[in-house]
C-alpha atoms as a PDB file:
ATOM      1  CA  MET A   1      17.854 -60.243 209.447  1.00  0.00           C
ATOM      2  CA  THR A   2      20.386 -61.203 206.782  1.00  0.00           C
ATOM      3  CA  LYS A   3      21.362 -64.837 206.321  1.00  0.00           C
ATOM      4  CA  THR A   4      24.384 -66.736 205.048  1.00  0.00           C
ATOM      5  CA  ILE A   5      23.167 -69.070 202.311  1.00  0.00           C
ATOM      6  CA  LEU A   6      25.069 -71.794 200.458  1.00  0.00           C
ATOM      7  CA  ILE A   7      23.791 -72.733 196.990  1.00  0.00           C
ATOM      8  CA  THR A   8      25.274 -75.597 195.005  1.00  0.00           C
ATOM      9  CA  GLY A   9      25.163 -75.410 191.219  1.00  0.00           C
ATOM     10  CA  ALA A  10      24.996 -71.623 191.466  1.00  0.00           C
ATOM     11  CA  THR A  11      26.670 -70.664 188.196  1.00  0.00           C
ATOM     12  CA  ASP A  12      23.639 -70.925 185.919  1.00  0.00           C
ATOM     13  CA  GLY A  13      19.934 -71.663 185.779  1.00  0.00           C
ATOM     14  CA  ILE A  14      17.783 -71.588 188.859  1.00  0.00           C
ATOM     15  CA  GLY A  15      20.815 -71.669 191.179  1.00  0.00           C
ATOM     16  CA  LEU A  16      22.264 -68.486 189.712  1.00  0.00           C
ATOM     17  CA  GLU A  17      18.938 -66.669 189.603  1.00  0.00           C
ATOM     18  CA  THR A  18      18.109 -67.658 193.178  1.00  0.00           C
ATOM     19  CA  ALA A  19      21.514 -66.402 194.314  1.00  0.00           C
ATOM     20  CA  ARG A  20      20.956 -63.085 192.522  1.00  0.00           C
ATOM     21  CA  HIS A  21      17.518 -62.727 194.098  1.00  0.00           C
ATOM     22  CA  LEU A  22      18.769 -63.437 197.622  1.00  0.00           C
ATOM     23  CA  ALA A  23      21.863 -61.263 197.285  1.00  0.00           C
ATOM     24  CA  ALA A  24      19.690 -58.350 196.132  1.00  0.00           C
ATOM     25  CA  LYS A  25      17.878 -58.642 199.462  1.00  0.00           C
ATOM     26  CA  GLY A  26      21.146 -58.277 201.348  1.00  0.00           C
ATOM     27  CA  HIS A  27      21.917 -61.897 202.175  1.00  0.00           C
ATOM     28  CA  SER A  28      25.468 -63.275 202.037  1.00  0.00           C
ATOM     29  CA  LEU A  29      25.894 -65.994 199.419  1.00  0.00           C
ATOM     30  CA  ILE A  30      28.283 -68.916 199.295  1.00  0.00           C
ATOM     31  CA  LEU A  31      28.355 -70.141 195.707  1.00  0.00           C
ATOM     32  CA  HIS A  32      29.435 -73.513 194.415  1.00  0.00           C
ATOM     33  CA  GLY A  33      30.374 -74.233 190.806  1.00  0.00           C
ATOM     34  CA  ARG A  34      32.574 -76.645 188.865  1.00  0.00           C
ATOM     35  CA  SER A  35      33.971 -74.115 186.368  1.00  0.00           C
ATOM     36  CA  ALA A  36      36.281 -71.354 187.563  1.00  0.00           C
ATOM     37  CA  ALA A  37      35.292 -69.070 184.701  1.00  0.00           C
ATOM     38  CA  LYS A  38      31.568 -69.534 185.307  1.00  0.00           C
ATOM     39  CA  LEU A  39      32.010 -69.119 189.046  1.00  0.00           C
ATOM     40  CA  ASP A  40      33.854 -65.818 188.543  1.00  0.00           C
ATOM     41  CA  ALA A  41      31.156 -64.649 186.131  1.00  0.00           C
ATOM     42  CA  ALA A  42      28.429 -65.574 188.608  1.00  0.00           C
ATOM     43  CA  ARG A  43      30.087 -63.638 191.408  1.00  0.00           C
ATOM     44  CA  ASP A  44      30.376 -60.609 189.112  1.00  0.00           C
ATOM     45  CA  LYS A  45      26.683 -60.825 188.219  1.00  0.00           C
ATOM     46  CA  ILE A  46      25.518 -61.313 191.759  1.00  0.00           C
ATOM     47  CA  GLY A  47      27.675 -58.750 193.534  1.00  0.00           C
ATOM     48  CA  GLY A  48      27.093 -58.146 197.224  1.00  0.00           C
ATOM     49  CA  THR A  49      28.753 -60.377 199.798  1.00  0.00           C
ATOM     50  CA  THR A  50      29.598 -63.566 197.945  1.00  0.00           C
ATOM     51  CA  SER A  51      32.274 -66.215 198.172  1.00  0.00           C
ATOM     52  CA  GLY A  52      32.865 -68.983 195.669  1.00  0.00           C
ATOM     53  CA  TYR A  53      34.112 -72.571 195.815  1.00  0.00           C
ATOM     54  CA  LEU A  54      35.002 -75.032 193.058  1.00  0.00           C
ATOM     55  CA  ALA A  55      34.179 -78.737 193.157  1.00  0.00           C
ATOM     56  CA  ASP A  56      33.006 -81.526 190.900  1.00  0.00           C
ATOM     57  CA  LEU A  57      30.114 -83.044 192.845  1.00  0.00           C
ATOM     58  CA  SER A  58      30.303 -86.246 190.833  1.00  0.00           C
ATOM     59  CA  ASP A  59      33.502 -86.957 192.801  1.00  0.00           C
ATOM     60  CA  PRO A  60      32.536 -87.680 196.426  1.00  0.00           C
ATOM     61  CA  ALA A  61      36.057 -86.929 197.644  1.00  0.00           C
ATOM     62  CA  GLU A  62      35.860 -83.473 196.050  1.00  0.00           C
ATOM     63  CA  THR A  63      32.460 -82.939 197.632  1.00  0.00           C
ATOM     64  CA  LEU A  64      33.909 -83.721 201.062  1.00  0.00           C
ATOM     65  CA  ARG A  65      36.819 -81.363 200.403  1.00  0.00           C
ATOM     66  CA  LEU A  66      34.351 -78.661 199.393  1.00  0.00           C
ATOM     67  CA  ALA A  67      32.467 -79.078 202.668  1.00  0.00           C
ATOM     68  CA  ARG A  68      35.664 -78.874 204.693  1.00  0.00           C
ATOM     69  CA  ASP A  69      36.820 -75.762 202.836  1.00  0.00           C
ATOM     70  CA  ILE A  70      33.484 -74.051 203.448  1.00  0.00           C
ATOM     71  CA  ALA A  71      33.482 -75.047 207.137  1.00  0.00           C
ATOM     72  CA  ARG A  72      37.008 -73.706 207.484  1.00  0.00           C
ATOM     73  CA  ASP A  73      35.975 -70.295 206.179  1.00  0.00           C
ATOM     74  CA  HIS A  74      32.466 -69.987 207.652  1.00  0.00           C
ATOM     75  CA  ASP A  75      31.637 -70.540 211.304  1.00  0.00           C
ATOM     76  CA  ALA A  76      27.889 -70.356 210.723  1.00  0.00           C
ATOM     77  CA  ILE A  77      25.620 -71.052 207.752  1.00  0.00           C
ATOM     78  CA  ASP A  78      21.905 -70.398 207.941  1.00  0.00           C
ATOM     79  CA  VAL A  79      20.683 -72.185 204.808  1.00  0.00           C
ATOM     80  CA  ILE A  80      21.985 -74.845 202.434  1.00  0.00           C
ATOM     81  CA  ILE A  81      20.194 -75.130 199.099  1.00  0.00           C
ATOM     82  CA  ASN A  82      21.207 -78.412 197.467  1.00  0.00           C
ATOM     83  CA  ASN A  83      20.404 -77.264 193.950  1.00  0.00           C
ATOM     84  CA  ALA A  84      23.069 -78.891 191.750  1.00  0.00           C
ATOM     85  CA  GLY A  85      21.543 -81.564 189.542  1.00  0.00           C
ATOM     86  CA  VAL A  86      22.292 -83.689 186.496  1.00  0.00           C
ATOM     87  CA  TYR A  87      19.869 -85.341 184.089  1.00  0.00           C
ATOM     88  CA  LYS A  88      21.159 -86.292 180.650  1.00  0.00           C
ATOM     89  CA  ILE A  89      24.863 -86.649 179.872  1.00  0.00           C
ATOM     90  CA  PRO A  90      26.801 -88.656 177.238  1.00  0.00           C
ATOM     91  CA  ASP A  91      28.566 -90.959 179.712  1.00  0.00           C
ATOM     92  CA  PRO A  92      26.772 -91.214 183.056  1.00  0.00           C
ATOM     93  CA  VAL A  93      28.977 -93.943 184.545  1.00  0.00           C
ATOM     94  CA  THR A  94      31.870 -92.744 186.718  1.00  0.00           C
ATOM     95  CA  LYS A  95      35.240 -94.388 187.202  1.00  0.00           C
ATOM     96  CA  THR A  96      33.891 -96.101 190.326  1.00  0.00           C
ATOM     97  CA  GLY A  97      31.057 -97.624 188.284  1.00  0.00           C
ATOM     98  CA  HIS A  98      28.316 -95.456 189.792  1.00  0.00           C
ATOM     99  CA  ASP A  99      25.659 -93.469 187.968  1.00  0.00           C
ATOM    100  CA  LEU A 100      26.570 -89.810 187.988  1.00  0.00           C
ATOM    101  CA  ARG A 101      22.911 -88.814 188.538  1.00  0.00           C
ATOM    102  CA  PHE A 102      22.892 -90.573 191.889  1.00  0.00           C
ATOM    103  CA  LEU A 103      26.283 -89.141 192.876  1.00  0.00           C
ATOM    104  CA  VAL A 104      25.419 -85.510 192.110  1.00  0.00           C
ATOM    105  CA  ASN A 105      21.702 -85.484 192.877  1.00  0.00           C
ATOM    106  CA  THR A 106      21.673 -87.692 195.973  1.00  0.00           C
ATOM    107  CA  ILE A 107      25.077 -88.596 197.425  1.00  0.00           C
ATOM    108  CA  ALA A 108      26.612 -85.104 197.206  1.00  0.00           C
ATOM    109  CA  PRO A 109      23.862 -83.506 199.343  1.00  0.00           C
ATOM    110  CA  GLU A 110      24.420 -86.183 202.012  1.00  0.00           C
ATOM    111  CA  ILE A 111      28.189 -85.649 202.082  1.00  0.00           C
ATOM    112  CA  LEU A 112      28.044 -81.862 201.961  1.00  0.00           C
ATOM    113  CA  THR A 113      25.205 -81.368 204.416  1.00  0.00           C
ATOM    114  CA  ARG A 114      26.408 -83.866 207.000  1.00  0.00           C
ATOM    115  CA  ALA A 115      29.868 -82.295 207.034  1.00  0.00           C
ATOM    116  CA  LEU A 116      28.299 -78.849 207.550  1.00  0.00           C
ATOM    117  CA  LEU A 117      25.688 -79.765 210.179  1.00  0.00           C
ATOM    118  CA  SER A 118      27.709 -78.162 212.960  1.00  0.00           C
ATOM    119  CA  THR A 119      27.676 -74.830 211.111  1.00  0.00           C
ATOM    120  CA  LEU A 120      23.884 -74.906 210.680  1.00  0.00           C
ATOM    121  CA  GLY A 121      22.692 -75.358 214.233  1.00  0.00           C
ATOM    122  CA  GLU A 122      19.111 -75.918 215.320  1.00  0.00           C
ATOM    123  CA  ASN A 123      17.729 -72.918 213.428  1.00  0.00           C
ATOM    124  CA  GLY A 124      19.317 -73.763 210.090  1.00  0.00           C
ATOM    125  CA  ARG A 125      17.510 -74.970 206.989  1.00  0.00           C
ATOM    126  CA  VAL A 126      18.393 -77.479 204.289  1.00  0.00           C
ATOM    127  CA  VAL A 127      16.415 -77.096 201.076  1.00  0.00           C
ATOM    128  CA  ASN A 128      16.737 -80.081 198.747  1.00  0.00           C
ATOM    129  CA  LEU A 129      15.681 -79.738 195.112  1.00  0.00           C
ATOM    130  CA  SER A 130      13.404 -82.620 194.338  1.00  0.00           C
ATOM    131  CA  SER A 131      11.293 -83.008 191.227  1.00  0.00           C
ATOM    132  CA  ALA A 132       7.861 -84.039 190.023  1.00  0.00           C
ATOM    133  CA  ALA A 133       9.802 -86.882 188.376  1.00  0.00           C
ATOM    134  CA  GLN A 134       9.967 -89.503 191.132  1.00  0.00           C
ATOM    135  CA  SER A 135      10.383 -93.241 190.793  1.00  0.00           C
ATOM    136  CA  PRO A 136      11.006 -96.035 193.351  1.00  0.00           C
ATOM    137  CA  VAL A 137      14.706 -96.429 194.059  1.00  0.00           C
ATOM    138  CA  ASP A 138      16.390 -99.595 192.808  1.00  0.00           C
ATOM    139  CA  LEU A 139      19.098-100.242 195.409  1.00  0.00           C
ATOM    140  CA  GLU A 140      21.163-102.172 192.849  1.00  0.00           C
ATOM    141  CA  ALA A 141      21.198 -99.106 190.579  1.00  0.00           C
ATOM    142  CA  LEU A 142      22.041 -96.811 193.492  1.00  0.00           C
ATOM    143  CA  ALA A 143      24.956 -99.081 194.349  1.00  0.00           C
ATOM    144  CA  GLY A 144      26.222 -98.977 190.757  1.00  0.00           C
ATOM    145  CA  ARG A 145      25.428-102.592 189.947  1.00  0.00           C
ATOM    146  CA  LYS A 146      22.633-101.868 187.475  1.00  0.00           C
ATOM    147  CA  ARG A 147      22.296 -99.387 184.611  1.00  0.00           C
ATOM    148  CA  LEU A 148      19.257 -97.169 184.103  1.00  0.00           C
ATOM    149  CA  ALA A 149      17.991 -95.012 181.247  1.00  0.00           C
ATOM    150  CA  ASP A 150      18.416 -91.256 181.689  1.00  0.00           C
ATOM    151  CA  PHE A 151      14.935 -90.357 182.876  1.00  0.00           C
ATOM    152  CA  GLU A 152      14.662 -93.346 185.209  1.00  0.00           C
ATOM    153  CA  ALA A 153      18.048 -92.596 186.793  1.00  0.00           C
ATOM    154  CA  TYR A 154      17.058 -88.960 187.290  1.00  0.00           C
ATOM    155  CA  ALA A 155      13.626 -89.808 188.726  1.00  0.00           C
ATOM    156  CA  GLN A 156      15.094 -92.366 191.115  1.00  0.00           C
ATOM    157  CA  SER A 157      17.838 -90.003 192.246  1.00  0.00           C
ATOM    158  CA  LYS A 158      15.260 -87.323 193.037  1.00  0.00           C
ATOM    159  CA  LEU A 159      13.038 -89.659 195.021  1.00  0.00           C
ATOM    160  CA  ALA A 160      16.146 -90.879 196.845  1.00  0.00           C
ATOM    161  CA  LEU A 161      16.922 -87.272 197.776  1.00  0.00           C
ATOM    162  CA  THR A 162      13.340 -86.751 198.948  1.00  0.00           C
ATOM    163  CA  ILE A 163      13.552 -89.889 201.087  1.00  0.00           C
ATOM    164  CA  TRP A 164      16.884 -88.760 202.509  1.00  0.00           C
ATOM    165  CA  SER A 165      15.370 -85.362 203.343  1.00  0.00           C
ATOM    166  CA  ARG A 166      12.474 -86.986 205.219  1.00  0.00           C
ATOM    167  CA  GLU A 167      14.763 -89.356 207.091  1.00  0.00           C
ATOM    168  CA  MET A 168      17.163 -86.577 208.087  1.00  0.00           C
ATOM    169  CA  ALA A 169      14.239 -84.536 209.389  1.00  0.00           C
ATOM    170  CA  ALA A 170      13.115 -87.482 211.514  1.00  0.00           C
ATOM    171  CA  LYS A 171      16.608 -87.933 212.911  1.00  0.00           C
ATOM    172  CA  HIS A 172      17.093 -84.203 213.664  1.00  0.00           C
ATOM    173  CA  ARG A 173      13.805 -83.259 215.293  1.00  0.00           C
ATOM    174  CA  ASN A 174      15.407 -80.311 217.082  1.00  0.00           C
ATOM    175  CA  GLY A 175      16.759 -78.868 213.847  1.00  0.00           C
ATOM    176  CA  PRO A 176      17.978 -78.026 211.359  1.00  0.00           C
ATOM    177  CA  ILE A 177      14.916 -78.093 209.092  1.00  0.00           C
ATOM    178  CA  PHE A 178      15.017 -80.384 206.054  1.00  0.00           C
ATOM    179  CA  VAL A 179      12.546 -79.798 203.233  1.00  0.00           C
ATOM    180  CA  ALA A 180      12.314 -81.211 199.708  1.00  0.00           C
ATOM    181  CA  VAL A 181      10.964 -78.909 197.023  1.00  0.00           C
ATOM    182  CA  ASN A 182       9.904 -79.448 193.432  1.00  0.00           C
ATOM    183  CA  PRO A 183      10.573 -75.887 192.188  1.00  0.00           C
ATOM    184  CA  GLY A 184       8.391 -76.409 189.128  1.00  0.00           C
ATOM    185  CA  SER A 185       8.373 -78.751 186.166  1.00  0.00           C
ATOM    186  CA  LEU A 186      10.250 -77.909 182.960  1.00  0.00           C
ATOM    187  CA  LEU A 187      11.621 -74.544 184.034  1.00  0.00           C
ATOM    188  CA  ALA A 188      13.960 -72.782 181.612  1.00  0.00           C
ATOM    189  CA  SER A 189      17.224 -74.250 182.850  1.00  0.00           C
ATOM    190  CA  LYS A 190      20.102 -75.602 180.802  1.00  0.00           C
ATOM    191  CA  MET A 191      19.278 -79.084 182.076  1.00  0.00           C
ATOM    192  CA  VAL A 192      15.718 -78.841 180.728  1.00  0.00           C
ATOM    193  CA  LYS A 193      16.830 -77.412 177.395  1.00  0.00           C
ATOM    194  CA  ASP A 194      19.503 -80.068 176.895  1.00  0.00           C
ATOM    195  CA  GLY A 195      17.495 -82.949 178.311  1.00  0.00           C
ATOM    196  CA  PHE A 196      14.016 -82.295 176.953  1.00  0.00           C
ATOM    197  CA  GLY A 197      14.640 -79.964 174.016  1.00  0.00           C
ATOM    198  CA  VAL A 198      12.186 -77.308 175.203  1.00  0.00           C
ATOM    199  CA  ALA A 199      12.697 -73.685 176.176  1.00  0.00           C
ATOM    200  CA  GLY A 200      10.941 -74.150 179.499  1.00  0.00           C
ATOM    201  CA  LYS A 201       8.901 -71.906 181.769  1.00  0.00           C
ATOM    202  CA  ASP A 202       9.995 -68.775 183.625  1.00  0.00           C
ATOM    203  CA  LEU A 203      12.818 -69.549 186.058  1.00  0.00           C
ATOM    204  CA  GLY A 204      11.324 -66.966 188.384  1.00  0.00           C
ATOM    205  CA  ILE A 205       8.693 -69.548 189.358  1.00  0.00           C
ATOM    206  CA  GLY A 206      11.399 -71.675 190.914  1.00  0.00           C
ATOM    207  CA  VAL A 207      13.386 -68.779 192.336  1.00  0.00           C
ATOM    208  CA  GLU A 208      10.382 -67.514 194.260  1.00  0.00           C
ATOM    209  CA  ILE A 209       9.633 -70.841 195.941  1.00  0.00           C
ATOM    210  CA  LEU A 210      13.268 -71.547 196.792  1.00  0.00           C
ATOM    211  CA  ALA A 211      13.563 -68.145 198.457  1.00  0.00           C
ATOM    212  CA  ARG A 212      10.410 -68.887 200.437  1.00  0.00           C
ATOM    213  CA  ALA A 213      11.650 -72.331 201.415  1.00  0.00           C
ATOM    214  CA  ALA A 214      14.910 -70.817 202.610  1.00  0.00           C
ATOM    215  CA  LEU A 215      13.483 -67.892 204.552  1.00  0.00           C
ATOM    216  CA  SER A 216       9.711 -67.818 205.032  1.00  0.00           C
ATOM    217  CA  ASP A 217       7.789 -68.664 208.199  1.00  0.00           C
ATOM    218  CA  ARG A 218       5.604 -71.105 206.248  1.00  0.00           C
ATOM    219  CA  PHE A 219       8.544 -73.489 205.949  1.00  0.00           C
ATOM    220  CA  ALA A 220       9.715 -73.047 209.542  1.00  0.00           C
ATOM    221  CA  LEU A 221       7.508 -75.947 210.690  1.00  0.00           C
ATOM    222  CA  ALA A 222       7.811 -77.978 207.492  1.00  0.00           C
ATOM    223  CA  SER A 223      10.738 -80.251 208.301  1.00  0.00           C
ATOM    224  CA  GLY A 224      10.363 -83.575 206.549  1.00  0.00           C
ATOM    225  CA  LYS A 225       7.723 -82.315 204.152  1.00  0.00           C
ATOM    226  CA  TYR A 226       7.661 -82.193 200.360  1.00  0.00           C
ATOM    227  CA  PHE A 227       6.453 -79.060 198.566  1.00  0.00           C
ATOM    228  CA  ASP A 228       5.225 -79.420 194.991  1.00  0.00           C
ATOM    229  CA  ASN A 229       5.366 -76.033 193.305  1.00  0.00           C
ATOM    230  CA  ASP A 230       3.392 -77.350 190.334  1.00  0.00           C
ATOM    231  CA  ILE A 231       0.350 -77.233 192.584  1.00  0.00           C
ATOM    232  CA  GLY A 232       1.661 -74.719 195.108  1.00  0.00           C
ATOM    233  CA  GLU A 233       1.135 -76.936 198.147  1.00  0.00           C
ATOM    234  CA  PHE A 234       2.764 -79.351 200.532  1.00  0.00           C
ATOM    235  CA  THR A 235       1.765 -82.786 199.314  1.00  0.00           C
ATOM    236  CA  PRO A 236       2.834 -86.410 199.809  1.00  0.00           C
ATOM    237  CA  PRO A 237       5.760 -87.490 197.615  1.00  0.00           C
ATOM    238  CA  HIS A 238       5.742 -90.765 195.701  1.00  0.00           C
ATOM    239  CA  PRO A 239       4.223 -93.542 197.871  1.00  0.00           C
ATOM    240  CA  ALA A 240       7.593 -95.328 197.980  1.00  0.00           C
ATOM    241  CA  ALA A 241       8.879 -92.472 200.152  1.00  0.00           C
ATOM    242  CA  LEU A 242       6.097 -93.130 202.666  1.00  0.00           C
ATOM    243  CA  ASP A 243       7.039 -96.781 203.150  1.00  0.00           C
ATOM    244  CA  ASP A 244       9.096 -96.738 206.356  1.00  0.00           C
ATOM    245  CA  GLN A 245      10.930 -99.972 205.669  1.00  0.00           C
ATOM    246  CA  ASN A 246      11.806 -98.982 202.110  1.00  0.00           C
ATOM    247  CA  SER A 247      12.857 -95.485 203.176  1.00  0.00           C
ATOM    248  CA  ALA A 248      15.160 -96.840 205.866  1.00  0.00           C
ATOM    249  CA  LYS A 249      16.903 -99.092 203.335  1.00  0.00           C
ATOM    250  CA  VAL A 250      17.373 -96.251 200.844  1.00  0.00           C
ATOM    251  CA  TYR A 251      18.610 -93.858 203.527  1.00  0.00           C
ATOM    252  CA  ASP A 252      21.064 -96.393 204.983  1.00  0.00           C
ATOM    253  CA  GLN A 253      22.517 -97.127 201.553  1.00  0.00           C
ATOM    254  CA  ILE A 254      22.901 -93.404 200.768  1.00  0.00           C
ATOM    255  CA  VAL A 255      24.776 -92.847 204.022  1.00  0.00           C
ATOM    256  CA  GLN A 256      26.963 -95.929 203.548  1.00  0.00           C
ATOM    257  CA  LEU A 257      27.843 -95.051 199.944  1.00  0.00           C
ATOM    258  CA  ALA A 258      28.683 -91.491 200.962  1.00  0.00           C
ATOM    259  CA  LYS A 259      31.080 -92.776 203.627  1.00  0.00           C
ATOM    260  CA  GLU A 260      32.729 -95.303 201.345  1.00  0.00           C
ATOM    261  CA  LEU A 261      33.068 -93.087 198.272  1.00  0.00           C
ATOM    262  CA  GLY A 262      33.947 -89.892 200.134  1.00  0.00           C
ATOM    263  CA  ALA A 263      36.830 -91.641 201.847  1.00  0.00           C
ATOM    264  CA  ALA A 264      38.054 -93.395 198.694  1.00  0.00           C
END
């Protein structure tokens, strides 16, 4: 059975290659990008049944508009892959004073997914790209009141996304499925090349696990879990994500920030 699958950050790297892989299997792809030229090029490469949408996910209002545009055009979506991510950039502080890593890596998935929940239904899946880089979330940094170094901001934003994924799973026990996936460390993406100065490992490692997370039976009962593709198993995330009180605080702040910034 073919699926309709939304992938954010689908114009290069693992997002593009995952879209190509899924389209080759006959699935319909909804692609997100922030460059019109790159989005057009991606659609040409992928072929098949694809639609494309532009948005800068560092702007919560644009993210909300993106969700509304997609919902307007698509009555049903089977899978959302929150792939778009940012690590190292020259100026990470936005005009609202927030760290762009948190906005793109954590807040955008909350805004986009929540606005599209009605299109997913109980059988839908939300695949959130986590990372082996995970660090306890400083709520002051998440709120934009404290500055972090690049790696720390990235690691905190990824643990925040993993926490959000677990909390959403707990709050939606009848579906859709929420899973957090580390697709593999230091894969050959632009982010890895720019951020770490290494060529990286085969992107196919990440593509394969994202396709499985989106479609395979193994993930059908995995809501709330974290899959670490470095070891090829479901495993506990950072201990801070297992602290119920801490997780509730992080989740509540993510949801509140998304409401405030998306409406600004």
